[in-house]
Amino acid sequence: MFTEVKKMQLISDMIRVQDEDVLNRIDAILKKDRMMVRKKKKSAKSFTGIINKKDAMLMTKAIAEGCEQIDGDGWN
């Protein structure tokens, strides 16, 4: 909740700003922040917990079973 209150206070303060240079600096900061969010790369850690252990075991089994069956004529 504190974050939302802080945002509202900043908006209220910015409305009263008269100096064009101050507004330009605020705009530059916000643009830089948006660019940083877009460039942020996802880590493999962000996928932790997506697949539960049971599903992972089923996938492993399906891969093992499917990879064991090679059809030599399948490429002809």
Protein backbone atom coordinates (compact mmCIF):
# COMPACT_ATOMS: atom_id res chain seq x y z
CA MET A 1 0.00 0.00 0.00
CA PHE A 2 2.87 2.36 0.76
CA THR A 3 3.99 2.18 -2.89
CA GLU A 4 0.60 3.30 -4.16
CA VAL A 5 0.52 6.21 -1.72
CA LYS A 6 4.04 7.20 -2.81
CA LYS A 7 2.99 7.11 -6.47
CA MET A 8 0.00 9.33 -5.80
CA GLN A 9 2.20 11.82 -3.93
CA LEU A 10 4.69 11.92 -6.80
CA ILE A 11 1.90 12.50 -9.33
CA SER A 12 0.54 15.30 -7.18
CA ASP A 13 4.00 16.87 -6.94
CA MET A 14 4.63 16.57 -10.69
CA ILE A 15 1.37 18.32 -11.55
CA ARG A 16 2.65 21.41 -9.75
CA VAL A 17 6.08 21.43 -11.45
CA GLN A 18 6.51 24.52 -13.62
CA ASP A 19 10.14 24.11 -14.68
CA GLU A 20 10.47 22.54 -18.13
CA ASP A 21 13.95 21.20 -17.33
CA VAL A 22 12.61 19.33 -14.29
CA LEU A 23 9.83 17.80 -16.39
CA ASN A 24 12.35 16.77 -19.06
CA ARG A 25 14.55 15.07 -16.44
CA ILE A 26 11.54 13.22 -15.00
CA ASP A 27 10.56 12.14 -18.51
CA ALA A 28 14.11 10.91 -19.19
CA ILE A 29 14.12 8.88 -15.97
CA LEU A 30 10.80 7.25 -16.85
CA LYS A 31 11.95 6.45 -20.40
CA LYS A 32 15.17 4.91 -19.08
CA ASP A 33 13.17 2.79 -16.64
CA ARG A 34 10.87 1.53 -19.43
CA MET A 35 13.92 0.62 -21.55
CA MET A 36 15.49 -1.28 -18.65
CA VAL A 37 12.30 -3.28 -18.14
CA ARG A 38 12.25 -4.27 -21.82
CA LYS A 39 15.93 -5.28 -21.83
CA LYS A 40 15.74 -7.31 -18.64
CA LYS A 41 16.59 -10.90 -19.46
CA LYS A 42 14.83 -13.80 -17.85
CA SER A 43 16.88 -16.18 -15.80
CA ALA A 44 16.38 -19.92 -15.83
CA LYS A 45 15.43 -19.47 -12.19
CA SER A 46 12.21 -17.79 -13.31
CA PHE A 47 11.01 -21.20 -14.54
CA THR A 48 11.53 -22.91 -11.18
CA GLY A 49 8.40 -24.66 -9.98
CA ILE A 50 6.47 -24.44 -13.26
CA ILE A 51 6.43 -28.22 -13.71
CA ASN A 52 5.68 -30.39 -10.73
CA LYS A 53 7.76 -33.48 -9.97
CA LYS A 54 5.09 -35.94 -11.18
CA ASP A 55 4.79 -34.24 -14.58
CA ALA A 56 8.58 -34.03 -14.91
CA MET A 57 8.84 -37.76 -14.27
CA LEU A 58 6.15 -38.47 -16.89
CA MET A 59 7.99 -36.31 -19.41
CA THR A 60 11.29 -38.03 -18.66
CA LYS A 61 9.66 -41.44 -19.11
CA ALA A 62 8.02 -40.43 -22.40
CA ILE A 63 11.31 -39.11 -23.75
CA ALA A 64 13.20 -42.22 -22.69
CA GLU A 65 10.61 -44.53 -24.25
CA GLY A 66 10.34 -42.50 -27.46
CA CYS A 67 14.07 -42.16 -27.94
CA GLU A 68 14.61 -45.90 -27.57
CA GLN A 69 12.49 -46.67 -30.63
CA ILE A 70 14.44 -45.74 -33.72
CA ASP A 71 12.90 -46.40 -37.13
CA GLY A 72 15.81 -46.82 -39.51
CA ASP A 73 13.51 -46.59 -42.54
CA GLY A 74 11.81 -43.45 -41.28
CA TRP A 75 14.20 -41.19 -43.23
CA ASN A 76 13.66 -42.89 -46.60
